[in-house]
Amino acid sequence: MPDGQVDVHMYVNAGTAADPAHIVAIRLLDYHGKVMESWDGEQLAAINTNAITNDFDYQKVVPGKVLGLTGGVGAGAMVHLPVSSSGFISTSSGPYQLQMLSINGHEWEVAAHTAAH
């Protein structure tokens, strides 16, 4: 967001409802590959449930009981990630890249951009 906060919409499109996906790390990198913010499994598990707006009542993205974020197949949510620094957006030109790491070693990367509002 323009004020340096990070919101990400997540959707689990693989696996089973009985065996949820476990996101254990997220990193936000700038154009040069410098890590601007990072969240480890403990930080993700500590996210307040009020910071997660789930798309559905039947499958949800939630803080894990021990580590990271979890969500069964079909779960979708907007997650507000707490930031440790303020104003990092103004110190780095975009575009940004968001990387997510699952507990079984899969990594996803998506382009991120500064929101207009």
PDB file of N, CA and C in Angstrom:
ATOM      1  N   MET A   1       0.854  -1.170   0.000  1.00  0.00           N
ATOM      2  CA  MET A   1       0.000   0.000   0.000  1.00  0.00           C
ATOM      3  C   MET A   1       0.902   1.237   0.000  1.00  0.00           C
ATOM      4  N   PRO A   2       0.388   2.382  -0.400  1.00  0.00           N
ATOM      5  CA  PRO A   2       1.215   3.592  -0.453  1.00  0.00           C
ATOM      6  C   PRO A   2       1.862   3.955   0.889  1.00  0.00           C
ATOM      7  N   ASP A   3       1.230   3.547   2.003  1.00  0.00           N
ATOM      8  CA  ASP A   3       1.796   3.877   3.318  1.00  0.00           C
ATOM      9  C   ASP A   3       2.794   2.835   3.814  1.00  0.00           C
ATOM     10  N   GLY A   4       3.159   1.865   2.965  1.00  0.00           N
ATOM     11  CA  GLY A   4       4.153   0.875   3.338  1.00  0.00           C
ATOM     12  C   GLY A   4       3.590  -0.408   3.904  1.00  0.00           C
ATOM     13  N   GLN A   5       2.281  -0.504   4.079  1.00  0.00           N
ATOM     14  CA  GLN A   5       1.680  -1.740   4.559  1.00  0.00           C
ATOM     15  C   GLN A   5       1.603  -2.738   3.408  1.00  0.00           C
ATOM     16  N   VAL A   6       1.577  -4.028   3.742  1.00  0.00           N
ATOM     17  CA  VAL A   6       1.559  -5.071   2.717  1.00  0.00           C
ATOM     18  C   VAL A   6       0.294  -5.917   2.869  1.00  0.00           C
ATOM     19  N   ASP A   7      -0.522  -5.918   1.823  1.00  0.00           N
ATOM     20  CA  ASP A   7      -1.707  -6.770   1.750  1.00  0.00           C
ATOM     21  C   ASP A   7      -1.517  -7.729   0.594  1.00  0.00           C
ATOM     22  N   VAL A   8      -1.875  -8.979   0.790  1.00  0.00           N
ATOM     23  CA  VAL A   8      -1.742  -9.972  -0.270  1.00  0.00           C
ATOM     24  C   VAL A   8      -2.991 -10.848  -0.288  1.00  0.00           C
ATOM     25  N   HIS A   9      -3.509 -11.094  -1.492  1.00  0.00           N
ATOM     26  CA  HIS A   9      -4.620 -12.019  -1.630  1.00  0.00           C
ATOM     27  C   HIS A   9      -4.062 -13.392  -1.952  1.00  0.00           C
ATOM     28  N   MET A  10      -4.432 -14.385  -1.154  1.00  0.00           N
ATOM     29  CA  MET A  10      -3.954 -15.754  -1.323  1.00  0.00           C
ATOM     30  C   MET A  10      -5.112 -16.649  -1.736  1.00  0.00           C
ATOM     31  N   TYR A  11      -4.809 -17.631  -2.568  1.00  0.00           N
ATOM     32  CA  TYR A  11      -5.801 -18.636  -2.938  1.00  0.00           C
ATOM     33  C   TYR A  11      -5.093 -19.979  -3.068  1.00  0.00           C
ATOM     34  N   VAL A  12      -5.589 -20.991  -2.376  1.00  0.00           N
ATOM     35  CA  VAL A  12      -4.989 -22.325  -2.420  1.00  0.00           C
ATOM     36  C   VAL A  12      -5.676 -23.107  -3.533  1.00  0.00           C
ATOM     37  N   ASN A  13      -4.924 -23.465  -4.576  1.00  0.00           N
ATOM     38  CA  ASN A  13      -5.537 -24.156  -5.714  1.00  0.00           C
ATOM     39  C   ASN A  13      -4.956 -25.551  -5.934  1.00  0.00           C
ATOM     40  N   ALA A  14      -4.372 -26.133  -4.896  1.00  0.00           N
ATOM     41  CA  ALA A  14      -3.823 -27.484  -5.011  1.00  0.00           C
ATOM     42  C   ALA A  14      -3.915 -28.166  -3.652  1.00  0.00           C
ATOM     43  N   GLY A  15      -3.807 -29.469  -3.651  1.00  0.00           N
ATOM     44  CA  GLY A  15      -3.870 -30.223  -2.409  1.00  0.00           C
ATOM     45  C   GLY A  15      -5.272 -30.697  -2.108  1.00  0.00           C
ATOM     46  N   THR A  16      -5.518 -30.975  -0.843  1.00  0.00           N
ATOM     47  CA  THR A  16      -6.838 -31.444  -0.412  1.00  0.00           C
ATOM     48  C   THR A  16      -7.303 -30.633   0.792  1.00  0.00           C
ATOM     49  N   ALA A  17      -8.593 -30.686   1.041  1.00  0.00           N
ATOM     50  CA  ALA A  17      -9.136 -29.990   2.212  1.00  0.00           C
ATOM     51  C   ALA A  17      -8.620 -30.608   3.504  1.00  0.00           C
ATOM     52  N   ALA A  18      -8.376 -31.915   3.481  1.00  0.00           N
ATOM     53  CA  ALA A  18      -7.898 -32.615   4.679  1.00  0.00           C
ATOM     54  C   ALA A  18      -6.413 -32.359   4.951  1.00  0.00           C
ATOM     55  N   ASP A  19      -5.662 -31.961   3.939  1.00  0.00           N
ATOM     56  CA  ASP A  19      -4.225 -31.735   4.083  1.00  0.00           C
ATOM     57  C   ASP A  19      -3.919 -30.313   3.625  1.00  0.00           C
ATOM     58  N   PRO A  20      -4.062 -29.324   4.524  1.00  0.00           N
ATOM     59  CA  PRO A  20      -3.928 -27.921   4.109  1.00  0.00           C
ATOM     60  C   PRO A  20      -2.512 -27.534   3.715  1.00  0.00           C
ATOM     61  N   ALA A  21      -2.425 -26.480   2.916  1.00  0.00           N
ATOM     62  CA  ALA A  21      -1.139 -25.890   2.564  1.00  0.00           C
ATOM     63  C   ALA A  21      -0.610 -25.146   3.788  1.00  0.00           C
ATOM     64  N   HIS A  22       0.704 -25.146   3.951  1.00  0.00           N
ATOM     65  CA  HIS A  22       1.345 -24.450   5.069  1.00  0.00           C
ATOM     66  C   HIS A  22       2.374 -23.479   4.504  1.00  0.00           C
ATOM     67  N   ILE A  23       2.104 -22.191   4.635  1.00  0.00           N
ATOM     68  CA  ILE A  23       3.042 -21.158   4.212  1.00  0.00           C
ATOM     69  C   ILE A  23       3.894 -20.815   5.428  1.00  0.00           C
ATOM     70  N   VAL A  24       5.210 -21.050   5.334  1.00  0.00           N
ATOM     71  CA  VAL A  24       6.078 -20.861   6.499  1.00  0.00           C
ATOM     72  C   VAL A  24       6.996 -19.636   6.379  1.00  0.00           C
ATOM     73  N   ALA A  25       7.009 -18.987   5.229  1.00  0.00           N
ATOM     74  CA  ALA A  25       7.809 -17.772   5.085  1.00  0.00           C
ATOM     75  C   ALA A  25       7.301 -16.962   3.907  1.00  0.00           C
ATOM     76  N   ILE A  26       7.362 -15.647   4.041  1.00  0.00           N
ATOM     77  CA  ILE A  26       7.015 -14.721   2.968  1.00  0.00           C
ATOM     78  C   ILE A  26       8.076 -13.629   2.964  1.00  0.00           C
ATOM     79  N   ARG A  27       8.515 -13.268   1.756  1.00  0.00           N
ATOM     80  CA  ARG A  27       9.492 -12.182   1.612  1.00  0.00           C
ATOM     81  C   ARG A  27       9.023 -11.224   0.534  1.00  0.00           C
ATOM     82  N   LEU A  28       9.224  -9.935   0.775  1.00  0.00           N
ATOM     83  CA  LEU A  28       8.951  -8.901  -0.209  1.00  0.00           C
ATOM     84  C   LEU A  28      10.293  -8.336  -0.648  1.00  0.00           C
ATOM     85  N   LEU A  29      10.577  -8.439  -1.955  1.00  0.00           N
ATOM     86  CA  LEU A  29      11.848  -7.979  -2.509  1.00  0.00           C
ATOM     87  C   LEU A  29      11.622  -6.781  -3.414  1.00  0.00           C
ATOM     88  N   ASP A  30      12.611  -5.897  -3.470  1.00  0.00           N
ATOM     89  CA  ASP A  30      12.517  -4.763  -4.378  1.00  0.00           C
ATOM     90  C   ASP A  30      13.042  -5.154  -5.757  1.00  0.00           C
ATOM     91  N   TYR A  31      13.107  -4.182  -6.639  1.00  0.00           N
ATOM     92  CA  TYR A  31      13.521  -4.388  -8.023  1.00  0.00           C
ATOM     93  C   TYR A  31      14.911  -5.007  -8.143  1.00  0.00           C
ATOM     94  N   HIS A  32      15.761  -4.720  -7.177  1.00  0.00           N
ATOM     95  CA  HIS A  32      17.141  -5.209  -7.201  1.00  0.00           C
ATOM     96  C   HIS A  32      17.316  -6.533  -6.466  1.00  0.00           C
ATOM     97  N   GLY A  33      16.230  -7.094  -5.942  1.00  0.00           N
ATOM     98  CA  GLY A  33      16.314  -8.352  -5.212  1.00  0.00           C
ATOM     99  C   GLY A  33      16.624  -8.192  -3.733  1.00  0.00           C
ATOM    100  N   LYS A  34      16.637  -6.967  -3.252  1.00  0.00           N
ATOM    101  CA  LYS A  34      16.884  -6.711  -1.832  1.00  0.00           C
ATOM    102  C   LYS A  34      15.614  -7.014  -1.041  1.00  0.00           C
ATOM    103  N   VAL A  35      15.756  -7.748   0.059  1.00  0.00           N
ATOM    104  CA  VAL A  35      14.609  -8.063   0.913  1.00  0.00           C
ATOM    105  C   VAL A  35      14.190  -6.797   1.655  1.00  0.00           C
ATOM    106  N   MET A  36      12.960  -6.358   1.388  1.00  0.00           N
ATOM    107  CA  MET A  36      12.426  -5.157   2.028  1.00  0.00           C
ATOM    108  C   MET A  36      11.693  -5.501   3.318  1.00  0.00           C
ATOM    109  N   GLU A  37      11.012  -6.619   3.329  1.00  0.00           N
ATOM    110  CA  GLU A  37      10.301  -7.133   4.506  1.00  0.00           C
ATOM    111  C   GLU A  37      10.317  -8.646   4.415  1.00  0.00           C
ATOM    112  N   SER A  38      10.291  -9.291   5.568  1.00  0.00           N
ATOM    113  CA  SER A  38      10.168 -10.747   5.574  1.00  0.00           C
ATOM    114  C   SER A  38       9.391 -11.171   6.806  1.00  0.00           C
ATOM    115  N   TRP A  39       8.698 -12.282   6.660  1.00  0.00           N
ATOM    116  CA  TRP A  39       7.891 -12.838   7.731  1.00  0.00           C
ATOM    117  C   TRP A  39       8.227 -14.320   7.835  1.00  0.00           C
ATOM    118  N   ASP A  40       8.672 -14.755   9.008  1.00  0.00           N
ATOM    119  CA  ASP A  40       8.969 -16.171   9.196  1.00  0.00           C
ATOM    120  C   ASP A  40       7.731 -16.885   9.731  1.00  0.00           C
ATOM    121  N   GLY A  41       7.860 -18.179   9.937  1.00  0.00           N
ATOM    122  CA  GLY A  41       6.727 -18.985  10.373  1.00  0.00           C
ATOM    123  C   GLY A  41       6.120 -18.536  11.682  1.00  0.00           C
ATOM    124  N   GLU A  42       6.946 -18.130  12.626  1.00  0.00           N
ATOM    125  CA  GLU A  42       6.430 -17.675  13.916  1.00  0.00           C
ATOM    126  C   GLU A  42       5.648 -16.381  13.767  1.00  0.00           C
ATOM    127  N   GLN A  43       6.147 -15.462  12.945  1.00  0.00           N
ATOM    128  CA  GLN A  43       5.441 -14.195  12.728  1.00  0.00           C
ATOM    129  C   GLN A  43       4.112 -14.428  12.021  1.00  0.00           C
ATOM    130  N   LEU A  44       4.100 -15.326  11.042  1.00  0.00           N
ATOM    131  CA  LEU A  44       2.855 -15.620  10.321  1.00  0.00           C
ATOM    132  C   LEU A  44       1.834 -16.288  11.244  1.00  0.00           C
ATOM    133  N   ALA A  45       2.285 -17.179  12.103  1.00  0.00           N
ATOM    134  CA  ALA A  45       1.372 -17.849  13.037  1.00  0.00           C
ATOM    135  C   ALA A  45       0.801 -16.867  14.063  1.00  0.00           C
ATOM    136  N   ALA A  46       1.507 -15.767  14.297  1.00  0.00           N
ATOM    137  CA  ALA A  46       1.071 -14.782  15.287  1.00  0.00           C
ATOM    138  C   ALA A  46       0.166 -13.698  14.705  1.00  0.00           C
ATOM    139  N   ILE A  47      -0.094 -13.751  13.396  1.00  0.00           N
ATOM    140  CA  ILE A  47      -0.964 -12.743  12.783  1.00  0.00           C
ATOM    141  C   ILE A  47      -2.355 -12.816  13.410  1.00  0.00           C
ATOM    142  N   ASN A  48      -2.875 -11.673  13.766  1.00  0.00           N
ATOM    143  CA  ASN A  48      -4.213 -11.592  14.338  1.00  0.00           C
ATOM    144  C   ASN A  48      -5.240 -12.016  13.294  1.00  0.00           C
ATOM    145  N   THR A  49      -6.204 -12.808  13.689  1.00  0.00           N
ATOM    146  CA  THR A  49      -7.227 -13.270  12.740  1.00  0.00           C
ATOM    147  C   THR A  49      -8.009 -12.105  12.147  1.00  0.00           C
ATOM    148  N   ASN A  50      -8.040 -10.964  12.827  1.00  0.00           N
ATOM    149  CA  ASN A  50      -8.708  -9.778  12.277  1.00  0.00           C
ATOM    150  C   ASN A  50      -7.964  -9.220  11.073  1.00  0.00           C
ATOM    151  N   ALA A  51      -6.701  -9.621  10.877  1.00  0.00           N
ATOM    152  CA  ALA A  51      -5.904  -9.163   9.741  1.00  0.00           C
ATOM    153  C   ALA A  51      -6.105 -10.051   8.517  1.00  0.00           C
ATOM    154  N   ILE A  52      -6.993 -11.046   8.631  1.00  0.00           N
ATOM    155  CA  ILE A  52      -7.272 -11.972   7.529  1.00  0.00           C
ATOM    156  C   ILE A  52      -8.752 -11.885   7.184  1.00  0.00           C
ATOM    157  N   THR A  53      -9.046 -11.542   5.938  1.00  0.00           N
ATOM    158  CA  THR A  53     -10.431 -11.502   5.466  1.00  0.00           C
ATOM    159  C   THR A  53     -10.615 -12.657   4.495  1.00  0.00           C
ATOM    160  N   ASN A  54     -11.268 -13.711   4.965  1.00  0.00           N
ATOM    161  CA  ASN A  54     -11.466 -14.899   4.144  1.00  0.00           C
ATOM    162  C   ASN A  54     -12.570 -14.691   3.122  1.00  0.00           C
ATOM    163  N   ASP A  55     -12.370 -15.290   1.952  1.00  0.00           N
ATOM    164  CA  ASP A  55     -13.356 -15.204   0.878  1.00  0.00           C
ATOM    165  C   ASP A  55     -14.556 -16.109   1.127  1.00  0.00           C
ATOM    166  N   PHE A  56     -14.324 -17.201   1.850  1.00  0.00           N
ATOM    167  CA  PHE A  56     -15.358 -18.218   2.034  1.00  0.00           C
ATOM    168  C   PHE A  56     -15.443 -18.642   3.489  1.00  0.00           C
ATOM    169  N   ASP A  57     -16.622 -19.117   3.898  1.00  0.00           N
ATOM    170  CA  ASP A  57     -16.798 -19.631   5.252  1.00  0.00           C
ATOM    171  C   ASP A  57     -16.361 -21.086   5.375  1.00  0.00           C
ATOM    172  N   TYR A  58     -16.374 -21.813   4.269  1.00  0.00           N
ATOM    173  CA  TYR A  58     -16.112 -23.254   4.339  1.00  0.00           C
ATOM    174  C   TYR A  58     -14.647 -23.626   4.241  1.00  0.00           C
ATOM    175  N   GLN A  59     -13.815 -22.807   3.648  1.00  0.00           N
ATOM    176  CA  GLN A  59     -12.365 -23.016   3.612  1.00  0.00           C
ATOM    177  C   GLN A  59     -11.715 -21.689   3.933  1.00  0.00           C
ATOM    178  N   LYS A  60     -10.791 -21.710   4.887  1.00  0.00           N
ATOM    179  CA  LYS A  60     -10.203 -20.456   5.351  1.00  0.00           C
ATOM    180  C   LYS A  60      -8.689 -20.526   5.403  1.00  0.00           C
ATOM    181  N   VAL A  61      -8.071 -19.362   5.226  1.00  0.00           N
ATOM    182  CA  VAL A  61      -6.666 -19.177   5.519  1.00  0.00           C
ATOM    183  C   VAL A  61      -6.620 -18.697   6.971  1.00  0.00           C
ATOM    184  N   VAL A  62      -5.836 -19.376   7.795  1.00  0.00           N
ATOM    185  CA  VAL A  62      -5.763 -19.056   9.221  1.00  0.00           C
ATOM    186  C   VAL A  62      -4.317 -19.156   9.701  1.00  0.00           C
ATOM    187  N   PRO A  63      -3.998 -18.471  10.799  1.00  0.00           N
ATOM    188  CA  PRO A  63      -2.681 -18.684  11.396  1.00  0.00           C
ATOM    189  C   PRO A  63      -2.561 -20.136  11.845  1.00  0.00           C
ATOM    190  N   GLY A  64      -1.407 -20.739  11.610  1.00  0.00           N
ATOM    191  CA  GLY A  64      -1.190 -22.110  12.035  1.00  0.00           C
ATOM    192  C   GLY A  64      -1.108 -22.205  13.546  1.00  0.00           C
ATOM    193  N   LYS A  65      -1.360 -23.390  14.074  1.00  0.00           N
ATOM    194  CA  LYS A  65      -1.300 -23.586  15.525  1.00  0.00           C
ATOM    195  C   LYS A  65       0.120 -23.445  16.043  1.00  0.00           C
ATOM    196  N   VAL A  66       1.086 -23.779  15.204  1.00  0.00           N
ATOM    197  CA  VAL A  66       2.486 -23.712  15.618  1.00  0.00           C
ATOM    198  C   VAL A  66       3.304 -22.809  14.704  1.00  0.00           C
ATOM    199  N   LEU A  67       3.079 -22.940  13.396  1.00  0.00           N
ATOM    200  CA  LEU A  67       3.975 -22.295  12.441  1.00  0.00           C
ATOM    201  C   LEU A  67       3.236 -21.865  11.185  1.00  0.00           C
ATOM    202  N   GLY A  68       3.410 -20.625  10.763  1.00  0.00           N
ATOM    203  CA  GLY A  68       2.936 -20.162   9.471  1.00  0.00           C
ATOM    204  C   GLY A  68       1.443 -19.955   9.340  1.00  0.00           C
ATOM    205  N   LEU A  69       1.002 -19.904   8.082  1.00  0.00           N
ATOM    206  CA  LEU A  69      -0.407 -19.792   7.719  1.00  0.00           C
ATOM    207  C   LEU A  69      -0.835 -21.097   7.080  1.00  0.00           C
ATOM    208  N   THR A  70      -2.082 -21.496   7.296  1.00  0.00           N
ATOM    209  CA  THR A  70      -2.589 -22.719   6.680  1.00  0.00           C
ATOM    210  C   THR A  70      -3.888 -22.422   5.941  1.00  0.00           C
ATOM    211  N   GLY A  71      -4.154 -23.266   4.942  1.00  0.00           N
ATOM    212  CA  GLY A  71      -5.399 -23.156   4.197  1.00  0.00           C
ATOM    213  C   GLY A  71      -5.612 -24.393   3.361  1.00  0.00           C
ATOM    214  N   GLY A  72      -6.809 -24.942   3.409  1.00  0.00           N
ATOM    215  CA  GLY A  72      -7.150 -26.100   2.592  1.00  0.00           C
ATOM    216  C   GLY A  72      -7.439 -25.680   1.165  1.00  0.00           C
ATOM    217  N   VAL A  73      -7.483 -26.653   0.271  1.00  0.00           N
ATOM    218  CA  VAL A  73      -7.747 -26.357  -1.131  1.00  0.00           C
ATOM    219  C   VAL A  73      -9.057 -25.577  -1.250  1.00  0.00           C
ATOM    220  N   GLY A  74      -9.029 -24.525  -2.047  1.00  0.00           N
ATOM    221  CA  GLY A  74     -10.198 -23.677  -2.227  1.00  0.00           C
ATOM    222  C   GLY A  74     -10.240 -22.488  -1.282  1.00  0.00           C
ATOM    223  N   ALA A  75      -9.345 -22.447  -0.309  1.00  0.00           N
ATOM    224  CA  ALA A  75      -9.324 -21.318   0.623  1.00  0.00           C
ATOM    225  C   ALA A  75      -8.764 -20.091  -0.079  1.00  0.00           C
ATOM    226  N   GLY A  76      -9.365 -18.966   0.169  1.00  0.00           N
ATOM    227  CA  GLY A  76      -8.896 -17.708  -0.376  1.00  0.00           C
ATOM    228  C   GLY A  76      -9.067 -16.618   0.665  1.00  0.00           C
ATOM    229  N   ALA A  77      -8.125 -15.683   0.724  1.00  0.00           N
ATOM    230  CA  ALA A  77      -8.225 -14.619   1.720  1.00  0.00           C
ATOM    231  C   ALA A  77      -7.314 -13.459   1.367  1.00  0.00           C
ATOM    232  N   MET A  78      -7.691 -12.291   1.835  1.00  0.00           N
ATOM    233  CA  MET A  78      -6.821 -11.123   1.825  1.00  0.00           C
ATOM    234  C   MET A  78      -6.138 -11.105   3.184  1.00  0.00           C
ATOM    235  N   VAL A  79      -4.803 -11.084   3.164  1.00  0.00           N
ATOM    236  CA  VAL A  79      -4.029 -11.100   4.406  1.00  0.00           C
ATOM    237  C   VAL A  79      -3.246  -9.800   4.517  1.00  0.00           C
ATOM    238  N   HIS A  80      -3.429  -9.129   5.634  1.00  0.00           N
ATOM    239  CA  HIS A  80      -2.689  -7.900   5.923  1.00  0.00           C
ATOM    240  C   HIS A  80      -1.452  -8.303   6.717  1.00  0.00           C
ATOM    241  N   LEU A  81      -0.286  -8.147   6.115  1.00  0.00           N
ATOM    242  CA  LEU A  81       0.965  -8.527   6.765  1.00  0.00           C
ATOM    243  C   LEU A  81       1.521  -7.350   7.549  1.00  0.00           C
ATOM    244  N   PRO A  82       1.829  -7.544   8.818  1.00  0.00           N
ATOM    245  CA  PRO A  82       2.388  -6.439   9.602  1.00  0.00           C
ATOM    246  C   PRO A  82       3.797  -6.106   9.123  1.00  0.00           C
ATOM    247  N   VAL A  83       4.118  -4.833   9.042  1.00  0.00           N
ATOM    248  CA  VAL A  83       5.449  -4.426   8.582  1.00  0.00           C
ATOM    249  C   VAL A  83       6.260  -3.870   9.751  1.00  0.00           C
ATOM    250  N   SER A  84       7.550  -4.145   9.714  1.00  0.00           N
ATOM    251  CA  SER A  84       8.423  -3.679  10.781  1.00  0.00           C
ATOM    252  C   SER A  84       8.977  -2.297  10.482  1.00  0.00           C
ATOM    253  N   SER A  85       9.137  -1.988   9.217  1.00  0.00           N
ATOM    254  CA  SER A  85       9.647  -0.671   8.845  1.00  0.00           C
ATOM    255  C   SER A  85       8.508   0.155   8.271  1.00  0.00           C
ATOM    256  N   SER A  86       8.675   1.453   8.312  1.00  0.00           N
ATOM    257  CA  SER A  86       7.631   2.304   7.739  1.00  0.00           C
ATOM    258  C   SER A  86       8.212   3.089   6.583  1.00  0.00           C
ATOM    259  N   GLY A  87       7.416   3.256   5.569  1.00  0.00           N
ATOM    260  CA  GLY A  87       7.828   4.069   4.446  1.00  0.00           C
ATOM    261  C   GLY A  87       8.852   3.433   3.527  1.00  0.00           C
ATOM    262  N   PHE A  88       9.039   2.117   3.562  1.00  0.00           N
ATOM    263  CA  PHE A  88      10.038   1.510   2.689  1.00  0.00           C
ATOM    264  C   PHE A  88       9.677   1.677   1.223  1.00  0.00           C
ATOM    265  N   ILE A  89       8.409   1.855   0.920  1.00  0.00           N
ATOM    266  CA  ILE A  89       7.990   2.049  -0.466  1.00  0.00           C
ATOM    267  C   ILE A  89       8.692   3.274  -1.051  1.00  0.00           C
ATOM    268  N   SER A  90       8.830   4.327  -0.270  1.00  0.00           N
ATOM    269  CA  SER A  90       9.435   5.549  -0.803  1.00  0.00           C
ATOM    270  C   SER A  90      10.945   5.431  -0.954  1.00  0.00           C
ATOM    271  N   THR A  91      11.552   4.405  -0.343  1.00  0.00           N
ATOM    272  CA  THR A  91      13.003   4.268  -0.434  1.00  0.00           C
ATOM    273  C   THR A  91      13.424   3.313  -1.535  1.00  0.00           C
ATOM    274  N   SER A  92      12.482   2.692  -2.214  1.00  0.00           N
ATOM    275  CA  SER A  92      12.816   1.710  -3.243  1.00  0.00           C
ATOM    276  C   SER A  92      11.822   1.830  -4.389  1.00  0.00           C
ATOM    277  N   SER A  93      12.356   1.849  -5.598  1.00  0.00           N
ATOM    278  CA  SER A  93      11.451   1.911  -6.737  1.00  0.00           C
ATOM    279  C   SER A  93      10.951   0.513  -7.055  1.00  0.00           C
ATOM    280  N   GLY A  94       9.682   0.415  -7.457  1.00  0.00           N
ATOM    281  CA  GLY A  94       9.127  -0.879  -7.829  1.00  0.00           C
ATOM    282  C   GLY A  94       9.665  -1.296  -9.171  1.00  0.00           C
ATOM    283  N   PRO A  95       9.264  -2.389  -9.719  1.00  0.00           N
ATOM    284  CA  PRO A  95       8.257  -3.285  -9.149  1.00  0.00           C
ATOM    285  C   PRO A  95       8.843  -4.120  -8.013  1.00  0.00           C
ATOM    286  N   TYR A  96       7.944  -4.741  -7.281  1.00  0.00           N
ATOM    287  CA  TYR A  96       8.322  -5.598  -6.174  1.00  0.00           C
ATOM    288  C   TYR A  96       8.020  -7.039  -6.534  1.00  0.00           C
ATOM    289  N   GLN A  97       8.566  -7.943  -5.747  1.00  0.00           N
ATOM    290  CA  GLN A  97       8.286  -9.360  -5.921  1.00  0.00           C
ATOM    291  C   GLN A  97       7.973  -9.933  -4.547  1.00  0.00           C
ATOM    292  N   LEU A  98       6.918 -10.736  -4.476  1.00  0.00           N
ATOM    293  CA  LEU A  98       6.527 -11.399  -3.237  1.00  0.00           C
ATOM    294  C   LEU A  98       6.833 -12.875  -3.397  1.00  0.00           C
ATOM    295  N   GLN A  99       7.588 -13.419  -2.474  1.00  0.00           N
ATOM    296  CA  GLN A  99       7.935 -14.837  -2.497  1.00  0.00           C
ATOM    297  C   GLN A  99       7.300 -15.516  -1.294  1.00  0.00           C
ATOM    298  N   MET A 100       6.713 -16.688  -1.525  1.00  0.00           N
ATOM    299  CA  MET A 100       6.138 -17.488  -0.448  1.00  0.00           C
ATOM    300  C   MET A 100       6.782 -18.859  -0.463  1.00  0.00           C
ATOM    301  N   LEU A 101       7.039 -19.402   0.721  1.00  0.00           N
ATOM    302  CA  LEU A 101       7.657 -20.706   0.852  1.00  0.00           C
ATOM    303  C   LEU A 101       6.745 -21.620   1.658  1.00  0.00           C
ATOM    304  N   SER A 102       6.482 -22.818   1.121  1.00  0.00           N
ATOM    305  CA  SER A 102       5.639 -23.779   1.837  1.00  0.00           C
ATOM    306  C   SER A 102       6.505 -24.674   2.717  1.00  0.00           C
ATOM    307  N   ILE A 103       5.863 -25.360   3.622  1.00  0.00           N
ATOM    308  CA  ILE A 103       6.570 -26.224   4.562  1.00  0.00           C
ATOM    309  C   ILE A 103       7.298 -27.372   3.855  1.00  0.00           C
ATOM    310  N   ASN A 104       6.808 -27.761   2.672  1.00  0.00           N
ATOM    311  CA  ASN A 104       7.460 -28.861   1.948  1.00  0.00           C
ATOM    312  C   ASN A 104       8.436 -28.360   0.879  1.00  0.00           C
ATOM    313  N   GLY A 105       8.827 -27.085   0.970  1.00  0.00           N
ATOM    314  CA  GLY A 105       9.880 -26.565   0.118  1.00  0.00           C
ATOM    315  C   GLY A 105       9.449 -25.947  -1.197  1.00  0.00           C
ATOM    316  N   HIS A 106       8.153 -25.907  -1.491  1.00  0.00           N
ATOM    317  CA  HIS A 106       7.704 -25.245  -2.716  1.00  0.00           C
ATOM    318  C   HIS A 106       7.782 -23.742  -2.531  1.00  0.00           C
ATOM    319  N   GLU A 107       8.203 -23.054  -3.585  1.00  0.00           N
ATOM    320  CA  GLU A 107       8.296 -21.602  -3.538  1.00  0.00           C
ATOM    321  C   GLU A 107       7.475 -21.005  -4.668  1.00  0.00           C
ATOM    322  N   TRP A 108       6.719 -19.961  -4.324  1.00  0.00           N
ATOM    323  CA  TRP A 108       5.940 -19.225  -5.319  1.00  0.00           C
ATOM    324  C   TRP A 108       6.436 -17.805  -5.329  1.00  0.00           C
ATOM    325  N   GLU A 109       6.446 -17.220  -6.508  1.00  0.00           N
ATOM    326  CA  GLU A 109       6.838 -15.824  -6.663  1.00  0.00           C
ATOM    327  C   GLU A 109       5.788 -15.119  -7.506  1.00  0.00           C
ATOM    328  N   VAL A 110       5.381 -13.954  -7.054  1.00  0.00           N
ATOM    329  CA  VAL A 110       4.420 -13.174  -7.822  1.00  0.00           C
ATOM    330  C   VAL A 110       4.882 -11.721  -7.844  1.00  0.00           C
ATOM    331  N   ALA A 111       4.557 -11.036  -8.918  1.00  0.00           N
ATOM    332  CA  ALA A 111       4.855  -9.612  -9.008  1.00  0.00           C
ATOM    333  C   ALA A 111       3.927  -8.865  -8.074  1.00  0.00           C
ATOM    334  N   ALA A 112       4.449  -7.866  -7.427  1.00  0.00           N
ATOM    335  CA  ALA A 112       3.663  -7.035  -6.519  1.00  0.00           C
ATOM    336  C   ALA A 112       3.812  -5.582  -6.956  1.00  0.00           C
ATOM    337  N   HIS A 113       2.818  -4.784  -6.669  1.00  0.00           N
ATOM    338  CA  HIS A 113       2.870  -3.390  -7.068  1.00  0.00           C
ATOM    339  C   HIS A 113       2.288  -2.522  -5.962  1.00  0.00           C
ATOM    340  N   THR A 114       2.593  -1.252  -6.026  1.00  0.00           N
ATOM    341  CA  THR A 114       2.043  -0.299  -5.070  1.00  0.00           C
ATOM    342  C   THR A 114       0.604  -0.003  -5.455  1.00  0.00           C
ATOM    343  N   ALA A 115      -0.290  -0.134  -4.503  1.00  0.00           N
ATOM    344  CA  ALA A 115      -1.702   0.123  -4.759  1.00  0.00           C
ATOM    345  C   ALA A 115      -1.930   1.607  -4.993  1.00  0.00           C
ATOM    346  N   ALA A 116      -2.964   1.920  -5.747  1.00  0.00           N
ATOM    347  CA  ALA A 116      -3.261   3.310  -6.084  1.00  0.00           C
ATOM    348  C   ALA A 116      -3.902   4.067  -4.925  1.00  0.00           C
ATOM    349  N   HIS A 117      -4.444   3.353  -3.937  1.00  0.00           N
ATOM    350  CA  HIS A 117      -5.134   4.051  -2.836  1.00  0.00           C
ATOM    351  C   HIS A 117      -4.402   3.943  -1.546  1.00  0.00           C
TER     352      HIS A 117
END
